[in-house]
Amino acid sequence: MNEADSVFVDVTNAALPGAPAPEGPSRAAGGSIMDPVADGIEVAPFTRAGLRARLLPFVVVSVVAMVSVLLPSGGLASWHHMGVAAVLLTVVVLAAFAVPWARLPVWVAVAIPLLYAASMLELVLSSGTASGVGTVLLLPLVWSVLFHHRWESVCVLVTIVLAEVIISVVQSAPPTTLARRVVLWTALGAVILLAAHGLRERIRRAHEHTTALQNQLHQMTDRDRIAARLTDTVIRQLFAAGLDLHGAASCVTDEAARRRLLNGVAELDRAIAQLRITVYDLRPDDSRSQSAGEPSSTTAGDQLSPRRSGPT
C-alpha cells in the first residue's frame, strides 16, 4: 500500500460515523474489562495487583489494637475471644491472597469484610469495658466503602450495628445505652457510607469526562494529521497529474483524443475540489477559525489546481 492509499484508508476510518476511537492515551494503564463493576466504578478489591498495599494499613491497625490489649495493662478479659479474633484475622488475610476470586461470583467478596467485622467484634469482647478499642469496628466499614459495592457496605454496616448490640448485651449495658449505641453507630456508619460512595461516584464521572476529552483530542489530532497528509501528498500528486495530462493534450493532434484528455483534466479538477472539502471537514473548528484569514477554498483551489486553457 502506497502513501496515497494509506491516506484514503485513514480518511475513511476517520469519516465513518460511529467508528471506534483509536487506542490512544485515554486507555487506562493496566485496565481490564474483566474487573467487576460496583456502582459504575471499576473495582477489584482482591486483585493481586496492589492488594498488599491496600490490605496492609488495615492489618497493621488491627494488629496494633490486639497488641495493645495483650499488654500487661491492656485490660485483657478473655483469651478465648482474643484467640478467635486472631484466627479470624489470619483467615481474612490468607483468603484475600489465596482464594481465586476471579472464578467466583462477585457477591462472594462480601464475606471478607464480614469476617473482618467478626474478628474486630471478638477483639472488643476480649478486652474490658474501658479498653478503648471499640472504634476498630469501623475498619471493616472503611474497607468496604473504599473497595466494594454499595450493597456490601450496607451489609457490613448492619453487621457492625449487630456487633454493638452483642457487645452491649455481653457487657450488661442498660437499654438506654444499647439504644444510644445502635442509633449513633447507625448514623455514623450511614454518613461514612454515603460520603465515601458519593465521592467514588464523583471520581468516576470525572474520570469518564477526562477520558472523553482525551479521546476527542486524539481524534482531532488524528484528523488534523490526515488533513495535512492529504494537502501535502494526494492533492499535489493530482495537481502534477493534471499538469501532465494538460501538457499531453497540447501535443495531441487528434481532436477526440484531446477532448478525452481535457475531460480527464476536468475530472482531476473536480477531485481536487472534493478533496479540499474533505480536508476542511477533517479540520477541527478551532483550526478553521485560525485559518479564517487564509485564502478561501475557491482561491486555494485556484492556487492548487493547474491553470489550463482550452485547446487553441
C-alpha atoms as a PDB file:
ATOM      1  CA  MET A   1       0.000   0.000   0.000  1.00  0.00           C
ATOM      2  CA  ASN A   2       1.483   3.331  -1.035  1.00  0.00           C
ATOM      3  CA  GLU A   3       1.246   6.581   0.890  1.00  0.00           C
ATOM      4  CA  ALA A   4      -1.770   7.882  -1.015  1.00  0.00           C
ATOM      5  CA  ASP A   5      -3.720   4.673  -0.378  1.00  0.00           C
ATOM      6  CA  SER A   6      -2.904   4.807   3.326  1.00  0.00           C
ATOM      7  CA  VAL A   7      -4.193   8.387   3.451  1.00  0.00           C
ATOM      8  CA  PHE A   8      -7.522   7.372   1.912  1.00  0.00           C
ATOM      9  CA  VAL A   9      -7.816   4.464   4.354  1.00  0.00           C
ATOM     10  CA  ASP A  10      -7.239   6.888   7.246  1.00  0.00           C
ATOM     11  CA  VAL A  11      -9.816   9.291   5.812  1.00  0.00           C
ATOM     12  CA  THR A  12     -12.383   6.502   5.531  1.00  0.00           C
ATOM     13  CA  ASN A  13     -11.822   5.373   9.106  1.00  0.00           C
ATOM     14  CA  ALA A  14     -11.956   8.932  10.434  1.00  0.00           C
ATOM     15  CA  ALA A  15     -15.011   9.959   8.463  1.00  0.00           C
ATOM     16  CA  LEU A  16     -17.225   6.949   9.136  1.00  0.00           C
ATOM     17  CA  PRO A  17     -19.861   7.827  11.753  1.00  0.00           C
ATOM     18  CA  GLY A  18     -19.712   5.623  14.779  1.00  0.00           C
ATOM     19  CA  ALA A  19     -16.228   4.400  14.005  1.00  0.00           C
ATOM     20  CA  PRO A  20     -14.406   3.235  17.122  1.00  0.00           C
ATOM     21  CA  ALA A  21     -11.947   5.678  18.554  1.00  0.00           C
ATOM     22  CA  PRO A  22      -8.345   4.619  18.104  1.00  0.00           C
ATOM     23  CA  GLU A  23      -6.361   3.417  21.028  1.00  0.00           C
ATOM     24  CA  GLY A  24      -4.580   6.391  22.466  1.00  0.00           C
ATOM     25  CA  PRO A  25      -3.592   7.964  25.741  1.00  0.00           C
ATOM     26  CA  SER A  26      -7.139   7.605  27.009  1.00  0.00           C
ATOM     27  CA  ARG A  27      -6.682   3.882  27.691  1.00  0.00           C
ATOM     28  CA  ALA A  28      -6.041   3.401  31.350  1.00  0.00           C
ATOM     29  CA  ALA A  29      -2.825   1.644  32.173  1.00  0.00           C
ATOM     30  CA  GLY A  30      -3.449  -1.835  33.495  1.00  0.00           C
ATOM     31  CA  GLY A  31      -7.184  -1.577  32.858  1.00  0.00           C
ATOM     32  CA  SER A  32      -9.139  -4.780  32.291  1.00  0.00           C
ATOM     33  CA  ILE A  33     -12.652  -5.411  31.091  1.00  0.00           C
ATOM     34  CA  MET A  34     -12.804  -8.359  33.484  1.00  0.00           C
ATOM     35  CA  ASP A  35     -12.788  -6.135  36.551  1.00  0.00           C
ATOM     36  CA  PRO A  36     -16.119  -6.247  38.412  1.00  0.00           C
ATOM     37  CA  VAL A  37     -18.056  -3.024  38.440  1.00  0.00           C
ATOM     38  CA  ALA A  38     -19.511  -1.551  41.603  1.00  0.00           C
ATOM     39  CA  ASP A  39     -21.889   1.401  41.226  1.00  0.00           C
ATOM     40  CA  GLY A  40     -20.298   2.135  37.851  1.00  0.00           C
ATOM     41  CA  ILE A  41     -16.811   2.238  39.337  1.00  0.00           C
ATOM     42  CA  GLU A  42     -14.238  -0.318  38.311  1.00  0.00           C
ATOM     43  CA  VAL A  43     -13.175  -2.138  41.436  1.00  0.00           C
ATOM     44  CA  ALA A  44     -11.438  -5.407  42.151  1.00  0.00           C
ATOM     45  CA  PRO A  45     -10.761  -5.421  45.909  1.00  0.00           C
ATOM     46  CA  PHE A  46      -8.797  -8.669  45.866  1.00  0.00           C
ATOM     47  CA  THR A  47      -6.952  -8.346  42.590  1.00  0.00           C
ATOM     48  CA  ARG A  48      -3.319  -9.292  43.166  1.00  0.00           C
ATOM     49  CA  ALA A  49      -2.019  -6.031  41.709  1.00  0.00           C
ATOM     50  CA  GLY A  50      -1.785  -3.596  44.613  1.00  0.00           C
ATOM     51  CA  LEU A  51      -3.544  -5.910  47.089  1.00  0.00           C
ATOM     52  CA  ARG A  52      -0.702  -5.805  49.595  1.00  0.00           C
ATOM     53  CA  ALA A  53      -0.697  -2.006  49.641  1.00  0.00           C
ATOM     54  CA  ARG A  54      -4.485  -1.903  50.093  1.00  0.00           C
ATOM     55  CA  LEU A  55      -4.606  -4.520  52.820  1.00  0.00           C
ATOM     56  CA  LEU A  56      -1.507  -3.628  54.828  1.00  0.00           C
ATOM     57  CA  PRO A  57      -2.845  -0.490  56.630  1.00  0.00           C
ATOM     58  CA  PHE A  58      -5.913  -2.352  57.888  1.00  0.00           C
ATOM     59  CA  VAL A  59      -3.874  -5.326  59.084  1.00  0.00           C
ATOM     60  CA  VAL A  60      -1.384  -3.064  60.850  1.00  0.00           C
ATOM     61  CA  VAL A  61      -4.114  -1.184  62.742  1.00  0.00           C
ATOM     62  CA  SER A  62      -5.785  -4.456  63.750  1.00  0.00           C
ATOM     63  CA  VAL A  63      -2.528  -5.985  64.974  1.00  0.00           C
ATOM     64  CA  VAL A  64      -1.672  -2.824  66.915  1.00  0.00           C
ATOM     65  CA  ALA A  65      -5.091  -2.977  68.593  1.00  0.00           C
ATOM     66  CA  MET A  66      -4.537  -6.636  69.548  1.00  0.00           C
ATOM     67  CA  VAL A  67      -1.072  -5.946  70.920  1.00  0.00           C
ATOM     68  CA  SER A  68      -2.407  -3.024  72.960  1.00  0.00           C
ATOM     69  CA  VAL A  69      -4.921  -5.343  74.613  1.00  0.00           C
ATOM     70  CA  LEU A  70      -2.262  -8.003  75.279  1.00  0.00           C
ATOM     71  CA  LEU A  71      -0.052  -5.564  77.148  1.00  0.00           C
ATOM     72  CA  PRO A  72       0.102  -6.056  80.933  1.00  0.00           C
ATOM     73  CA  SER A  73      -2.149  -3.073  81.488  1.00  0.00           C
ATOM     74  CA  GLY A  74      -4.191  -3.559  78.317  1.00  0.00           C
ATOM     75  CA  GLY A  75      -7.270  -4.903  80.056  1.00  0.00           C
ATOM     76  CA  LEU A  76      -7.377  -8.395  78.517  1.00  0.00           C
ATOM     77  CA  ALA A  77     -10.541 -10.105  79.782  1.00  0.00           C
ATOM     78  CA  SER A  78     -10.780 -13.283  77.669  1.00  0.00           C
ATOM     79  CA  TRP A  79      -8.029 -15.262  75.966  1.00  0.00           C
ATOM     80  CA  HIS A  80     -10.719 -17.232  74.133  1.00  0.00           C
ATOM     81  CA  HIS A  81     -12.104 -14.175  72.344  1.00  0.00           C
ATOM     82  CA  MET A  82      -8.581 -12.936  71.618  1.00  0.00           C
ATOM     83  CA  GLY A  83      -7.667 -16.284  70.046  1.00  0.00           C
ATOM     84  CA  VAL A  84     -10.793 -16.259  67.881  1.00  0.00           C
ATOM     85  CA  ALA A  85     -10.055 -12.682  66.791  1.00  0.00           C
ATOM     86  CA  ALA A  86      -6.503 -13.622  65.798  1.00  0.00           C
ATOM     87  CA  VAL A  87      -7.668 -16.711  63.890  1.00  0.00           C
ATOM     88  CA  LEU A  88     -10.366 -14.776  62.003  1.00  0.00           C
ATOM     89  CA  LEU A  89      -7.925 -12.016  61.086  1.00  0.00           C
ATOM     90  CA  THR A  90      -5.456 -14.621  59.790  1.00  0.00           C
ATOM     91  CA  VAL A  91      -8.214 -16.257  57.730  1.00  0.00           C
ATOM     92  CA  VAL A  92      -9.145 -12.892  56.243  1.00  0.00           C
ATOM     93  CA  VAL A  93      -5.570 -12.140  55.189  1.00  0.00           C
ATOM     94  CA  LEU A  94      -4.919 -15.609  53.767  1.00  0.00           C
ATOM     95  CA  ALA A  95      -8.238 -15.695  51.917  1.00  0.00           C
ATOM     96  CA  ALA A  96      -7.606 -12.292  50.367  1.00  0.00           C
ATOM     97  CA  PHE A  97      -4.417 -13.615  48.763  1.00  0.00           C
ATOM     98  CA  ALA A  98      -5.158 -17.317  48.221  1.00  0.00           C
ATOM     99  CA  VAL A  99      -8.779 -17.539  47.070  1.00  0.00           C
ATOM    100  CA  PRO A 100      -9.247 -17.440  43.238  1.00  0.00           C
ATOM    101  CA  TRP A 101     -11.655 -14.517  43.323  1.00  0.00           C
ATOM    102  CA  ALA A 102     -11.798 -14.161  39.525  1.00  0.00           C
ATOM    103  CA  ARG A 103     -13.549 -17.555  39.306  1.00  0.00           C
ATOM    104  CA  LEU A 104     -16.121 -16.811  41.981  1.00  0.00           C
ATOM    105  CA  PRO A 105     -19.313 -14.724  41.801  1.00  0.00           C
ATOM    106  CA  VAL A 106     -18.874 -11.067  42.663  1.00  0.00           C
ATOM    107  CA  TRP A 107     -21.106 -11.261  45.725  1.00  0.00           C
ATOM    108  CA  VAL A 108     -18.774 -13.767  47.444  1.00  0.00           C
ATOM    109  CA  ALA A 109     -16.294 -10.967  48.133  1.00  0.00           C
ATOM    110  CA  VAL A 110     -18.569  -9.574  50.852  1.00  0.00           C
ATOM    111  CA  ALA A 111     -17.526 -12.499  53.070  1.00  0.00           C
ATOM    112  CA  ILE A 112     -14.122 -10.909  53.696  1.00  0.00           C
ATOM    113  CA  PRO A 113     -15.312  -7.636  55.321  1.00  0.00           C
ATOM    114  CA  LEU A 114     -17.958  -9.609  57.242  1.00  0.00           C
ATOM    115  CA  LEU A 115     -15.286 -11.943  58.660  1.00  0.00           C
ATOM    116  CA  TYR A 116     -13.167  -8.891  59.357  1.00  0.00           C
ATOM    117  CA  ALA A 117     -16.040  -7.366  61.330  1.00  0.00           C
ATOM    118  CA  ALA A 118     -16.428 -10.625  63.271  1.00  0.00           C
ATOM    119  CA  SER A 119     -12.703 -10.544  64.101  1.00  0.00           C
ATOM    120  CA  MET A 120     -12.956  -6.995  65.412  1.00  0.00           C
ATOM    121  CA  LEU A 121     -16.031  -7.976  67.439  1.00  0.00           C
ATOM    122  CA  GLU A 122     -14.060 -10.767  69.114  1.00  0.00           C
ATOM    123  CA  LEU A 123     -11.239  -8.320  69.782  1.00  0.00           C
ATOM    124  CA  VAL A 124     -13.609  -5.916  71.537  1.00  0.00           C
ATOM    125  CA  LEU A 125     -15.136  -8.764  73.551  1.00  0.00           C
ATOM    126  CA  SER A 126     -11.665  -9.904  74.630  1.00  0.00           C
ATOM    127  CA  SER A 127     -10.976  -6.536  76.244  1.00  0.00           C
ATOM    128  CA  GLY A 128     -12.549  -4.815  79.186  1.00  0.00           C
ATOM    129  CA  THR A 129     -15.361  -2.330  79.063  1.00  0.00           C
ATOM    130  CA  ALA A 130     -12.944   0.612  79.204  1.00  0.00           C
ATOM    131  CA  SER A 131     -10.219  -0.705  76.892  1.00  0.00           C
ATOM    132  CA  GLY A 132     -10.837   1.933  74.196  1.00  0.00           C
ATOM    133  CA  VAL A 133     -10.573  -0.458  71.214  1.00  0.00           C
ATOM    134  CA  GLY A 134     -14.244  -0.281  70.217  1.00  0.00           C
ATOM    135  CA  THR A 135     -13.503   2.019  67.305  1.00  0.00           C
ATOM    136  CA  VAL A 136     -11.774  -0.828  65.439  1.00  0.00           C
ATOM    137  CA  LEU A 137     -15.273  -1.918  64.400  1.00  0.00           C
ATOM    138  CA  LEU A 138     -15.146   0.896  61.858  1.00  0.00           C
ATOM    139  CA  LEU A 139     -12.257  -0.728  59.957  1.00  0.00           C
ATOM    140  CA  PRO A 140     -14.409  -3.239  58.019  1.00  0.00           C
ATOM    141  CA  LEU A 141     -16.788  -0.443  57.028  1.00  0.00           C
ATOM    142  CA  VAL A 142     -13.916   1.758  55.829  1.00  0.00           C
ATOM    143  CA  TRP A 143     -12.580  -1.143  53.761  1.00  0.00           C
ATOM    144  CA  SER A 144     -15.961  -1.876  52.197  1.00  0.00           C
ATOM    145  CA  VAL A 145     -16.792   1.721  51.273  1.00  0.00           C
ATOM    146  CA  LEU A 146     -13.406   2.053  49.582  1.00  0.00           C
ATOM    147  CA  PHE A 147     -13.329  -1.161  47.568  1.00  0.00           C
ATOM    148  CA  HIS A 148     -16.756  -2.853  47.496  1.00  0.00           C
ATOM    149  CA  HIS A 149     -20.260  -2.393  46.173  1.00  0.00           C
ATOM    150  CA  ARG A 150     -22.700  -0.115  47.905  1.00  0.00           C
ATOM    151  CA  TRP A 151     -24.902  -3.031  48.984  1.00  0.00           C
ATOM    152  CA  GLU A 152     -21.882  -4.761  50.512  1.00  0.00           C
ATOM    153  CA  SER A 153     -21.182  -1.670  52.561  1.00  0.00           C
ATOM    154  CA  VAL A 154     -24.772  -1.762  53.791  1.00  0.00           C
ATOM    155  CA  CYS A 155     -24.326  -5.398  54.834  1.00  0.00           C
ATOM    156  CA  VAL A 156     -21.152  -4.525  56.728  1.00  0.00           C
ATOM    157  CA  LEU A 157     -22.879  -1.602  58.448  1.00  0.00           C
ATOM    158  CA  VAL A 158     -25.719  -3.869  59.581  1.00  0.00           C
ATOM    159  CA  THR A 159     -23.140  -6.360  60.882  1.00  0.00           C
ATOM    160  CA  ILE A 160     -21.377  -3.620  62.859  1.00  0.00           C
ATOM    161  CA  VAL A 161     -24.649  -2.460  64.421  1.00  0.00           C
ATOM    162  CA  LEU A 162     -25.434  -6.064  65.388  1.00  0.00           C
ATOM    163  CA  ALA A 163     -21.935  -6.337  66.852  1.00  0.00           C
ATOM    164  CA  GLU A 164     -22.666  -3.288  69.014  1.00  0.00           C
ATOM    165  CA  VAL A 165     -25.860  -4.956  70.207  1.00  0.00           C
ATOM    166  CA  ILE A 166     -23.890  -8.096  71.120  1.00  0.00           C
ATOM    167  CA  ILE A 167     -21.266  -6.041  72.946  1.00  0.00           C
ATOM    168  CA  SER A 168     -23.961  -4.176  74.902  1.00  0.00           C
ATOM    169  CA  VAL A 169     -25.660  -7.435  75.888  1.00  0.00           C
ATOM    170  CA  VAL A 170     -22.390  -9.092  76.946  1.00  0.00           C
ATOM    171  CA  GLN A 171     -21.422  -6.035  78.969  1.00  0.00           C
ATOM    172  CA  SER A 172     -24.934  -5.886  80.516  1.00  0.00           C
ATOM    173  CA  ALA A 173     -25.392  -2.323  79.326  1.00  0.00           C
ATOM    174  CA  PRO A 174     -28.687  -0.620  80.236  1.00  0.00           C
ATOM    175  CA  PRO A 175     -31.343  -0.320  77.497  1.00  0.00           C
ATOM    176  CA  THR A 176     -30.702   3.381  77.047  1.00  0.00           C
ATOM    177  CA  THR A 177     -27.020   2.709  76.373  1.00  0.00           C
ATOM    178  CA  LEU A 178     -27.948  -0.038  73.919  1.00  0.00           C
ATOM    179  CA  ALA A 179     -30.352   2.242  72.071  1.00  0.00           C
ATOM    180  CA  ARG A 180     -27.817   5.076  72.019  1.00  0.00           C
ATOM    181  CA  ARG A 181     -25.149   2.796  70.575  1.00  0.00           C
ATOM    182  CA  VAL A 182     -27.470   1.483  67.877  1.00  0.00           C
ATOM    183  CA  VAL A 183     -28.609   4.947  66.826  1.00  0.00           C
ATOM    184  CA  LEU A 184     -25.191   6.581  66.890  1.00  0.00           C
ATOM    185  CA  TRP A 185     -23.335   3.734  65.184  1.00  0.00           C
ATOM    186  CA  THR A 186     -26.026   3.506  62.523  1.00  0.00           C
ATOM    187  CA  ALA A 187     -25.899   7.251  61.901  1.00  0.00           C
ATOM    188  CA  LEU A 188     -22.105   7.347  61.859  1.00  0.00           C
ATOM    189  CA  GLY A 189     -21.885   4.361  59.512  1.00  0.00           C
ATOM    190  CA  ALA A 190     -24.508   5.829  57.202  1.00  0.00           C
ATOM    191  CA  VAL A 191     -22.620   9.117  56.971  1.00  0.00           C
ATOM    192  CA  ILE A 192     -19.374   7.300  56.123  1.00  0.00           C
ATOM    193  CA  LEU A 193     -21.137   5.075  53.607  1.00  0.00           C
ATOM    194  CA  LEU A 194     -22.953   7.852  51.771  1.00  0.00           C
ATOM    195  CA  ALA A 195     -19.979  10.209  51.765  1.00  0.00           C
ATOM    196  CA  ALA A 196     -17.479   7.620  50.535  1.00  0.00           C
ATOM    197  CA  HIS A 197     -19.672   6.155  47.795  1.00  0.00           C
ATOM    198  CA  GLY A 198     -20.721   9.645  46.726  1.00  0.00           C
ATOM    199  CA  LEU A 199     -17.073  10.615  46.412  1.00  0.00           C
ATOM    200  CA  ARG A 200     -16.349   7.477  44.388  1.00  0.00           C
ATOM    201  CA  GLU A 201     -19.216   8.333  42.066  1.00  0.00           C
ATOM    202  CA  ARG A 202     -17.892  11.854  41.517  1.00  0.00           C
ATOM    203  CA  ILE A 203     -14.416  10.452  40.837  1.00  0.00           C
ATOM    204  CA  ARG A 204     -15.899   8.017  38.323  1.00  0.00           C
ATOM    205  CA  ARG A 205     -17.736  10.798  36.492  1.00  0.00           C
ATOM    206  CA  ALA A 206     -14.626  12.973  36.437  1.00  0.00           C
ATOM    207  CA  HIS A 207     -12.629  10.054  35.061  1.00  0.00           C
ATOM    208  CA  GLU A 208     -15.204   9.418  32.336  1.00  0.00           C
ATOM    209  CA  HIS A 209     -15.204  13.107  31.417  1.00  0.00           C
ATOM    210  CA  THR A 210     -11.405  13.169  31.237  1.00  0.00           C
ATOM    211  CA  THR A 211     -11.379  10.007  29.119  1.00  0.00           C
ATOM    212  CA  ALA A 212     -13.921  11.504  26.711  1.00  0.00           C
ATOM    213  CA  LEU A 213     -11.844  14.671  26.374  1.00  0.00           C
ATOM    214  CA  GLN A 214      -8.701  12.627  25.721  1.00  0.00           C
ATOM    215  CA  ASN A 215     -10.491  10.588  23.061  1.00  0.00           C
ATOM    216  CA  GLN A 216     -11.778  13.768  21.426  1.00  0.00           C
ATOM    217  CA  LEU A 217      -8.315  15.321  21.486  1.00  0.00           C
ATOM    218  CA  HIS A 218      -6.790  12.195  19.968  1.00  0.00           C
ATOM    219  CA  GLN A 219      -9.428  12.132  17.230  1.00  0.00           C
ATOM    220  CA  MET A 220      -8.900  15.816  16.440  1.00  0.00           C
ATOM    221  CA  THR A 221      -5.128  15.294  16.279  1.00  0.00           C
ATOM    222  CA  ASP A 222      -5.578  12.293  14.005  1.00  0.00           C
ATOM    223  CA  ARG A 223      -7.906  14.175  11.679  1.00  0.00           C
ATOM    224  CA  ASP A 224      -5.539  17.130  11.524  1.00  0.00           C
ATOM    225  CA  ARG A 225      -2.724  14.749  10.606  1.00  0.00           C
ATOM    226  CA  ILE A 226      -4.825  13.194   7.852  1.00  0.00           C
ATOM    227  CA  ALA A 227      -5.760  16.631   6.519  1.00  0.00           C
ATOM    228  CA  ALA A 228      -2.100  17.642   6.416  1.00  0.00           C
ATOM    229  CA  ARG A 229      -1.157  14.455   4.574  1.00  0.00           C
ATOM    230  CA  LEU A 230      -3.948  14.986   2.067  1.00  0.00           C
ATOM    231  CA  THR A 231      -2.718  18.508   1.385  1.00  0.00           C
ATOM    232  CA  ASP A 232       0.944  17.545   1.173  1.00  0.00           C
ATOM    233  CA  THR A 233       0.656  14.356  -0.886  1.00  0.00           C
ATOM    234  CA  VAL A 234      -2.597  13.496  -2.609  1.00  0.00           C
ATOM    235  CA  ILE A 235      -3.638  16.955  -3.801  1.00  0.00           C
ATOM    236  CA  ARG A 236      -0.157  17.736  -5.037  1.00  0.00           C
ATOM    237  CA  GLN A 237       0.020  14.400  -6.862  1.00  0.00           C
ATOM    238  CA  LEU A 238      -3.304  15.105  -8.528  1.00  0.00           C
ATOM    239  CA  PHE A 239      -2.077  18.586  -9.386  1.00  0.00           C
ATOM    240  CA  ALA A 240       1.032  17.137 -11.025  1.00  0.00           C
ATOM    241  CA  ALA A 241      -1.039  14.560 -12.900  1.00  0.00           C
ATOM    242  CA  GLY A 242      -3.321  17.302 -14.185  1.00  0.00           C
ATOM    243  CA  LEU A 243      -0.355  19.272 -15.478  1.00  0.00           C
ATOM    244  CA  ASP A 244       0.981  16.177 -17.237  1.00  0.00           C
ATOM    245  CA  LEU A 245      -2.374  15.468 -18.854  1.00  0.00           C
ATOM    246  CA  HIS A 246      -2.787  19.081 -19.898  1.00  0.00           C
ATOM    247  CA  GLY A 247       0.680  19.065 -21.427  1.00  0.00           C
ATOM    248  CA  ALA A 248      -0.072  15.833 -23.247  1.00  0.00           C
ATOM    249  CA  ALA A 249      -3.342  17.256 -24.577  1.00  0.00           C
ATOM    250  CA  SER A 250      -1.486  20.184 -26.150  1.00  0.00           C
ATOM    251  CA  CYS A 251       0.713  17.722 -28.057  1.00  0.00           C
ATOM    252  CA  VAL A 252      -2.122  15.566 -29.384  1.00  0.00           C
ATOM    253  CA  THR A 253      -3.427  16.414 -32.855  1.00  0.00           C
ATOM    254  CA  ASP A 254      -6.413  14.110 -32.775  1.00  0.00           C
ATOM    255  CA  GLU A 255      -9.422  16.156 -31.648  1.00  0.00           C
ATOM    256  CA  ALA A 256     -11.255  13.236 -29.976  1.00  0.00           C
ATOM    257  CA  ALA A 257      -8.172  12.180 -28.008  1.00  0.00           C
ATOM    258  CA  ARG A 258      -7.507  15.769 -26.978  1.00  0.00           C
ATOM    259  CA  ARG A 259     -11.089  16.141 -25.782  1.00  0.00           C
ATOM    260  CA  ARG A 260     -10.807  12.986 -23.706  1.00  0.00           C
ATOM    261  CA  LEU A 261      -7.570  14.204 -22.127  1.00  0.00           C
ATOM    262  CA  LEU A 262      -9.117  17.565 -21.297  1.00  0.00           C
ATOM    263  CA  ASN A 263     -12.124  15.798 -19.783  1.00  0.00           C
ATOM    264  CA  GLY A 264      -9.693  13.850 -17.594  1.00  0.00           C
ATOM    265  CA  VAL A 265      -8.111  17.152 -16.561  1.00  0.00           C
ATOM    266  CA  ALA A 266     -11.560  18.481 -15.621  1.00  0.00           C
ATOM    267  CA  GLU A 267     -12.233  15.343 -13.564  1.00  0.00           C
ATOM    268  CA  LEU A 268      -8.965  15.910 -11.709  1.00  0.00           C
ATOM    269  CA  ASP A 269     -10.039  19.489 -11.004  1.00  0.00           C
ATOM    270  CA  ARG A 270     -13.282  18.230  -9.501  1.00  0.00           C
ATOM    271  CA  ALA A 271     -11.386  15.617  -7.465  1.00  0.00           C
ATOM    272  CA  ILE A 272      -9.087  18.308  -6.100  1.00  0.00           C
ATOM    273  CA  ALA A 273     -12.097  20.452  -5.161  1.00  0.00           C
ATOM    274  CA  GLN A 274     -13.717  17.479  -3.392  1.00  0.00           C
ATOM    275  CA  LEU A 275     -10.510  16.765  -1.512  1.00  0.00           C
ATOM    276  CA  ARG A 276     -10.380  20.407  -0.413  1.00  0.00           C
ATOM    277  CA  ILE A 277     -13.858  19.984   1.089  1.00  0.00           C
ATOM    278  CA  THR A 278     -12.766  16.771   2.798  1.00  0.00           C
ATOM    279  CA  VAL A 279      -9.693  18.440   4.250  1.00  0.00           C
ATOM    280  CA  TYR A 280     -11.815  21.336   5.514  1.00  0.00           C
ATOM    281  CA  ASP A 281     -14.280  18.929   7.156  1.00  0.00           C
ATOM    282  CA  LEU A 282     -11.499  16.955   8.831  1.00  0.00           C
ATOM    283  CA  ARG A 283     -10.015  20.017  10.479  1.00  0.00           C
ATOM    284  CA  PRO A 284     -11.339  20.885  13.967  1.00  0.00           C
ATOM    285  CA  ASP A 285     -13.362  24.032  14.497  1.00  0.00           C
ATOM    286  CA  ASP A 286     -10.503  25.919  16.134  1.00  0.00           C
ATOM    287  CA  SER A 287      -8.248  25.196  13.160  1.00  0.00           C
ATOM    288  CA  ARG A 288     -10.912  26.576  10.856  1.00  0.00           C
ATOM    289  CA  SER A 289     -11.216  29.744  12.900  1.00  0.00           C
ATOM    290  CA  GLN A 290      -7.450  30.160  12.920  1.00  0.00           C
ATOM    291  CA  SER A 291      -7.391  29.830   9.158  1.00  0.00           C
ATOM    292  CA  ALA A 292     -10.103  32.464   8.676  1.00  0.00           C
ATOM    293  CA  GLY A 293      -7.514  34.920   7.384  1.00  0.00           C
ATOM    294  CA  GLU A 294      -6.213  32.408   4.844  1.00  0.00           C
ATOM    295  CA  PRO A 295      -7.458  32.286   1.266  1.00  0.00           C
ATOM    296  CA  SER A 296     -10.931  30.932   0.752  1.00  0.00           C
ATOM    297  CA  SER A 297     -11.486  27.442  -0.644  1.00  0.00           C
ATOM    298  CA  THR A 298     -12.121  28.796  -4.105  1.00  0.00           C
ATOM    299  CA  THR A 299      -8.947  30.832  -4.056  1.00  0.00           C
ATOM    300  CA  ALA A 300      -6.991  27.931  -2.586  1.00  0.00           C
ATOM    301  CA  GLY A 301      -8.429  25.655  -5.242  1.00  0.00           C
ATOM    302  CA  ASP A 302      -7.301  28.074  -7.932  1.00  0.00           C
ATOM    303  CA  GLN A 303      -3.832  28.030  -6.404  1.00  0.00           C
ATOM    304  CA  LEU A 304      -3.693  24.231  -6.182  1.00  0.00           C
ATOM    305  CA  SER A 305      -5.479  23.440  -9.439  1.00  0.00           C
ATOM    306  CA  PRO A 306      -3.410  23.838 -12.591  1.00  0.00           C
ATOM    307  CA  ARG A 307      -4.390  26.868 -14.622  1.00  0.00           C
ATOM    308  CA  ARG A 308      -5.171  25.471 -18.016  1.00  0.00           C
ATOM    309  CA  SER A 309      -6.593  26.895 -21.129  1.00  0.00           C
ATOM    310  CA  GLY A 310      -8.582  25.059 -23.680  1.00  0.00           C
ATOM    311  CA  PRO A 311      -7.113  23.962 -26.964  1.00  0.00           C
ATOM    312  CA  THR A 312      -6.192  26.759 -29.304  1.00  0.00           C
END
